[in-house]
N, C-alpha and C. Protein backbone atom coordinates (compact mmCIF):
# COMPACT_ATOMS: atom_id res chain seq x y z
N MET A 1 2.16 -6.91 8.18
CA MET A 1 1.24 -5.85 8.55
C MET A 1 1.68 -5.25 9.87
N LEU A 2 1.13 -4.10 10.20
CA LEU A 2 1.48 -3.43 11.43
C LEU A 2 0.83 -4.11 12.62
N PRO A 3 1.49 -4.10 13.79
CA PRO A 3 0.86 -4.66 14.98
C PRO A 3 -0.40 -3.88 15.32
N ILE A 4 -1.42 -4.58 15.77
CA ILE A 4 -2.67 -3.93 16.14
C ILE A 4 -2.73 -3.80 17.65
N GLU A 5 -3.07 -2.60 18.10
CA GLU A 5 -3.17 -2.33 19.53
C GLU A 5 -4.63 -2.35 19.91
N ARG A 6 -5.01 -3.20 20.86
CA ARG A 6 -6.39 -3.29 21.32
C ARG A 6 -6.57 -2.29 22.46
N LYS A 7 -7.54 -1.37 22.29
CA LYS A 7 -7.80 -0.36 23.32
C LYS A 7 -8.78 -0.89 24.35
N LYS A 8 -8.86 -0.21 25.51
CA LYS A 8 -9.76 -0.63 26.58
C LYS A 8 -11.22 -0.59 26.16
N ASP A 9 -11.57 0.32 25.25
CA ASP A 9 -12.97 0.42 24.83
C ASP A 9 -13.35 -0.61 23.77
N GLY A 10 -12.43 -1.54 23.44
CA GLY A 10 -12.72 -2.60 22.50
C GLY A 10 -12.33 -2.30 21.06
N THR A 11 -12.01 -1.05 20.75
CA THR A 11 -11.59 -0.72 19.40
C THR A 11 -10.13 -1.05 19.23
N SER A 12 -9.67 -1.07 18.00
CA SER A 12 -8.26 -1.36 17.76
C SER A 12 -7.70 -0.38 16.75
N SER A 13 -6.40 -0.24 16.78
CA SER A 13 -5.72 0.63 15.83
C SER A 13 -4.30 0.12 15.65
N PRO A 14 -3.67 0.41 14.49
CA PRO A 14 -2.28 -0.01 14.33
C PRO A 14 -1.39 0.62 15.39
N ASP A 15 -0.43 -0.13 15.87
CA ASP A 15 0.52 0.39 16.85
C ASP A 15 1.53 1.26 16.11
N LEU A 16 1.35 2.56 16.19
CA LEU A 16 2.21 3.49 15.47
C LEU A 16 3.37 3.97 16.31
N LYS A 17 3.55 3.41 17.51
CA LYS A 17 4.68 3.79 18.35
C LYS A 17 5.99 3.33 17.73
N ALA A 18 5.93 2.24 16.98
CA ALA A 18 7.15 1.65 16.44
C ALA A 18 7.51 2.20 15.07
N VAL A 19 6.64 3.00 14.48
CA VAL A 19 6.91 3.49 13.14
C VAL A 19 6.61 4.97 13.02
N ALA A 20 7.27 5.58 12.09
CA ALA A 20 6.91 6.93 11.67
C ALA A 20 6.39 6.78 10.26
N SER A 21 5.50 7.62 9.84
CA SER A 21 4.92 7.47 8.51
C SER A 21 5.34 8.62 7.61
N ALA A 22 5.59 8.27 6.37
CA ALA A 22 5.95 9.27 5.38
C ALA A 22 4.85 9.30 4.32
N PRO A 23 4.17 10.43 4.13
CA PRO A 23 3.11 10.46 3.12
C PRO A 23 3.69 10.37 1.72
N GLN A 24 2.99 9.64 0.86
CA GLN A 24 3.44 9.47 -0.51
C GLN A 24 2.31 9.83 -1.46
N GLU A 25 1.65 10.95 -1.22
CA GLU A 25 0.52 11.29 -2.06
C GLU A 25 0.61 12.74 -2.52
N GLY A 26 -0.18 13.05 -3.53
CA GLY A 26 -0.30 14.42 -3.99
C GLY A 26 0.82 14.90 -4.89
N GLU A 27 1.75 14.02 -5.24
CA GLU A 27 2.81 14.44 -6.12
C GLU A 27 2.26 14.60 -7.53
N GLU A 28 2.61 15.67 -8.17
CA GLU A 28 2.16 15.96 -9.53
C GLU A 28 2.58 14.85 -10.49
N GLY A 29 1.64 14.38 -11.28
CA GLY A 29 1.95 13.40 -12.31
C GLY A 29 1.93 11.95 -11.87
N LYS A 30 1.66 11.67 -10.59
CA LYS A 30 1.61 10.29 -10.13
C LYS A 30 0.19 9.75 -10.22
N VAL A 31 0.07 8.48 -10.58
CA VAL A 31 -1.22 7.82 -10.61
C VAL A 31 -1.45 7.14 -9.27
N THR A 32 -2.70 6.81 -8.97
CA THR A 32 -3.03 6.09 -7.75
C THR A 32 -3.35 4.65 -8.09
N LEU A 33 -3.46 3.81 -7.08
CA LEU A 33 -3.82 2.42 -7.31
C LEU A 33 -5.18 2.32 -7.98
N LEU A 34 -6.12 3.16 -7.58
CA LEU A 34 -7.45 3.14 -8.19
C LEU A 34 -7.37 3.49 -9.67
N ASP A 35 -6.53 4.46 -10.04
CA ASP A 35 -6.32 4.80 -11.46
C ASP A 35 -5.82 3.58 -12.23
N ILE A 36 -4.86 2.87 -11.65
CA ILE A 36 -4.26 1.70 -12.29
C ILE A 36 -5.31 0.59 -12.45
N LYS A 37 -6.09 0.35 -11.39
CA LYS A 37 -7.12 -0.69 -11.44
C LYS A 37 -8.12 -0.40 -12.55
N ARG A 38 -8.54 0.84 -12.65
CA ARG A 38 -9.51 1.22 -13.69
C ARG A 38 -8.91 1.12 -15.09
N ARG A 39 -7.69 1.59 -15.24
CA ARG A 39 -7.02 1.60 -16.54
C ARG A 39 -6.83 0.18 -17.09
N HIS A 40 -6.52 -0.76 -16.21
CA HIS A 40 -6.19 -2.12 -16.65
C HIS A 40 -7.27 -3.16 -16.32
N GLY A 41 -8.37 -2.73 -15.71
CA GLY A 41 -9.45 -3.66 -15.38
C GLY A 41 -9.05 -4.71 -14.36
N LEU A 42 -8.26 -4.32 -13.37
CA LEU A 42 -7.78 -5.26 -12.36
C LEU A 42 -8.62 -5.17 -11.09
N SER A 43 -8.82 -6.30 -10.44
CA SER A 43 -9.53 -6.32 -9.16
C SER A 43 -8.51 -6.35 -8.02
N THR A 44 -9.00 -6.07 -6.84
CA THR A 44 -8.17 -6.15 -5.64
C THR A 44 -7.61 -7.56 -5.48
N TYR A 45 -8.45 -8.57 -5.71
CA TYR A 45 -8.01 -9.97 -5.55
C TYR A 45 -6.99 -10.37 -6.61
N ALA A 46 -7.16 -9.88 -7.83
CA ALA A 46 -6.19 -10.20 -8.89
C ALA A 46 -4.83 -9.59 -8.57
N ILE A 47 -4.83 -8.36 -8.10
CA ILE A 47 -3.57 -7.70 -7.75
C ILE A 47 -2.89 -8.44 -6.60
N ALA A 48 -3.68 -8.82 -5.58
CA ALA A 48 -3.12 -9.55 -4.45
C ALA A 48 -2.50 -10.87 -4.90
N ALA A 49 -3.19 -11.57 -5.81
CA ALA A 49 -2.69 -12.87 -6.28
C ALA A 49 -1.37 -12.73 -7.02
N VAL A 50 -1.26 -11.77 -7.92
CA VAL A 50 -0.01 -11.63 -8.69
C VAL A 50 1.11 -11.04 -7.84
N ALA A 51 0.75 -10.31 -6.78
CA ALA A 51 1.77 -9.70 -5.91
C ALA A 51 2.20 -10.64 -4.78
N GLY A 52 1.41 -11.68 -4.54
CA GLY A 52 1.74 -12.60 -3.44
C GLY A 52 1.50 -12.00 -2.07
N VAL A 53 0.46 -11.16 -1.96
CA VAL A 53 0.10 -10.54 -0.68
C VAL A 53 -1.38 -10.81 -0.40
N GLU A 54 -1.80 -10.54 0.80
CA GLU A 54 -3.21 -10.68 1.17
C GLU A 54 -4.03 -9.57 0.51
N PRO A 55 -5.26 -9.86 0.10
CA PRO A 55 -6.12 -8.81 -0.49
C PRO A 55 -6.30 -7.60 0.42
N GLY A 56 -6.26 -7.83 1.73
CA GLY A 56 -6.41 -6.73 2.68
C GLY A 56 -5.33 -5.67 2.53
N LEU A 57 -4.12 -6.08 2.17
CA LEU A 57 -3.05 -5.10 1.96
C LEU A 57 -3.32 -4.23 0.74
N VAL A 58 -3.84 -4.84 -0.31
CA VAL A 58 -4.16 -4.08 -1.52
C VAL A 58 -5.29 -3.10 -1.20
N TYR A 59 -6.31 -3.57 -0.50
CA TYR A 59 -7.41 -2.70 -0.09
C TYR A 59 -6.90 -1.55 0.78
N TRP A 60 -6.01 -1.87 1.71
CA TRP A 60 -5.45 -0.85 2.61
C TRP A 60 -4.72 0.22 1.80
N MET A 61 -4.02 -0.18 0.75
CA MET A 61 -3.33 0.78 -0.12
C MET A 61 -4.35 1.67 -0.83
N GLU A 62 -5.45 1.07 -1.30
CA GLU A 62 -6.50 1.84 -1.95
C GLU A 62 -7.08 2.90 -1.02
N GLN A 63 -7.15 2.57 0.26
CA GLN A 63 -7.73 3.47 1.25
C GLN A 63 -6.70 4.45 1.83
N ARG A 64 -5.56 4.54 1.19
CA ARG A 64 -4.48 5.44 1.62
C ARG A 64 -3.94 5.06 2.99
N GLY A 65 -3.87 3.77 3.24
CA GLY A 65 -3.36 3.27 4.50
C GLY A 65 -1.85 3.23 4.54
N ILE A 66 -1.34 2.86 5.70
CA ILE A 66 0.11 2.78 5.92
C ILE A 66 0.57 1.37 5.56
N LEU A 67 1.56 1.28 4.69
CA LEU A 67 2.10 -0.01 4.25
C LEU A 67 3.59 -0.08 4.53
N LEU A 68 4.06 -1.30 4.78
CA LEU A 68 5.51 -1.50 4.84
C LEU A 68 6.05 -1.38 3.42
N GLN A 69 7.25 -0.86 3.28
CA GLN A 69 7.83 -0.66 1.95
C GLN A 69 7.93 -1.97 1.18
N LYS A 70 8.28 -3.07 1.86
CA LYS A 70 8.41 -4.35 1.17
C LYS A 70 7.07 -4.81 0.59
N ASP A 71 5.96 -4.56 1.30
CA ASP A 71 4.65 -4.93 0.79
C ASP A 71 4.25 -4.04 -0.38
N LEU A 72 4.55 -2.77 -0.27
CA LEU A 72 4.26 -1.84 -1.35
C LEU A 72 5.01 -2.23 -2.62
N GLU A 73 6.27 -2.60 -2.47
CA GLU A 73 7.08 -3.01 -3.62
C GLU A 73 6.55 -4.29 -4.25
N LYS A 74 6.04 -5.23 -3.42
CA LYS A 74 5.44 -6.45 -3.96
C LYS A 74 4.20 -6.12 -4.78
N ILE A 75 3.35 -5.25 -4.25
CA ILE A 75 2.12 -4.88 -4.95
C ILE A 75 2.44 -4.20 -6.28
N LEU A 76 3.31 -3.21 -6.24
CA LEU A 76 3.65 -2.47 -7.46
C LEU A 76 4.39 -3.36 -8.46
N GLY A 77 5.24 -4.26 -7.96
CA GLY A 77 5.95 -5.19 -8.84
C GLY A 77 5.01 -6.15 -9.54
N GLY A 78 4.02 -6.66 -8.79
CA GLY A 78 3.03 -7.56 -9.38
C GLY A 78 2.22 -6.87 -10.46
N ILE A 79 1.79 -5.65 -10.18
CA ILE A 79 1.03 -4.89 -11.17
C ILE A 79 1.88 -4.64 -12.41
N SER A 80 3.13 -4.31 -12.21
CA SER A 80 4.03 -4.05 -13.34
C SER A 80 4.18 -5.28 -14.23
N ARG A 81 4.32 -6.45 -13.60
CA ARG A 81 4.48 -7.68 -14.37
C ARG A 81 3.27 -7.98 -15.24
N VAL A 82 2.07 -7.82 -14.70
CA VAL A 82 0.88 -8.20 -15.47
C VAL A 82 0.44 -7.14 -16.48
N THR A 83 0.84 -5.89 -16.26
CA THR A 83 0.42 -4.82 -17.19
C THR A 83 1.49 -4.49 -18.22
N GLY A 84 2.74 -4.84 -17.93
CA GLY A 84 3.82 -4.46 -18.82
C GLY A 84 4.24 -3.00 -18.66
N GLN A 85 3.69 -2.34 -17.65
CA GLN A 85 4.03 -0.94 -17.36
C GLN A 85 4.96 -0.90 -16.15
N ASN A 86 5.70 0.19 -16.00
CA ASN A 86 6.59 0.34 -14.85
C ASN A 86 5.89 1.14 -13.76
N TYR A 87 5.36 0.43 -12.76
CA TYR A 87 4.74 1.10 -11.62
C TYR A 87 5.66 0.93 -10.42
N SER A 88 6.06 2.05 -9.84
CA SER A 88 6.99 2.03 -8.71
C SER A 88 6.63 3.16 -7.74
N MET A 89 7.37 3.24 -6.65
CA MET A 89 7.13 4.31 -5.68
C MET A 89 7.36 5.69 -6.30
N GLU A 90 8.11 5.74 -7.39
CA GLU A 90 8.37 7.01 -8.06
C GLU A 90 7.22 7.42 -8.99
N THR A 91 6.41 6.44 -9.42
CA THR A 91 5.35 6.75 -10.39
C THR A 91 3.94 6.63 -9.84
N VAL A 92 3.79 6.03 -8.64
CA VAL A 92 2.48 5.82 -8.04
C VAL A 92 2.41 6.55 -6.71
N GLY A 93 1.32 7.26 -6.48
CA GLY A 93 1.13 8.00 -5.22
C GLY A 93 -0.16 7.56 -4.54
N GLY A 94 -0.50 8.23 -3.45
CA GLY A 94 -1.76 7.95 -2.77
C GLY A 94 -1.67 6.92 -1.68
N TYR A 95 -0.55 6.80 -1.00
CA TYR A 95 -0.38 5.83 0.07
C TYR A 95 0.63 6.39 1.07
N TRP A 96 0.78 5.71 2.18
CA TRP A 96 1.78 6.06 3.20
C TRP A 96 2.72 4.88 3.37
N VAL A 97 3.99 5.18 3.60
CA VAL A 97 5.00 4.13 3.83
C VAL A 97 5.42 4.18 5.28
N SER A 98 5.44 3.03 5.92
CA SER A 98 5.88 2.99 7.31
C SER A 98 7.40 2.87 7.34
N ILE A 99 7.99 3.64 8.21
CA ILE A 99 9.45 3.67 8.36
C ILE A 99 9.76 3.42 9.83
N GLU A 100 10.53 2.39 10.12
CA GLU A 100 10.88 2.10 11.51
C GLU A 100 11.76 3.20 12.06
N LYS A 101 11.45 3.60 13.31
CA LYS A 101 12.25 4.62 13.96
C LYS A 101 13.61 4.08 14.35
N GLN A 102 14.62 4.92 14.27
CA GLN A 102 15.97 4.55 14.72
C GLN A 102 16.05 4.86 16.22
N VAL A 103 16.46 3.87 17.02
CA VAL A 103 16.58 4.07 18.46
C VAL A 103 18.00 4.08 18.90
């Protein structure tokens, strides 16, 4: 997961200084994680279990959060295995991928 930066006012946010984000949503013909969950009757916890990730990462993807590419690939790979469908970054939209900046 992304490092969390604690602000002086007590709130926190992901430390986005180390990453740039690339939007992966709105592409014509792509399904979202919510579409997949509804189509196959999968829960957030079931997806997390088959993907080998924390449920929070799956929830974060549902909320259009920023994910590391390796975590995204684990989630989509797990869904593909249990559904028999090919879900990949090319076929699923509605999320952001974090990309480390080159220094």
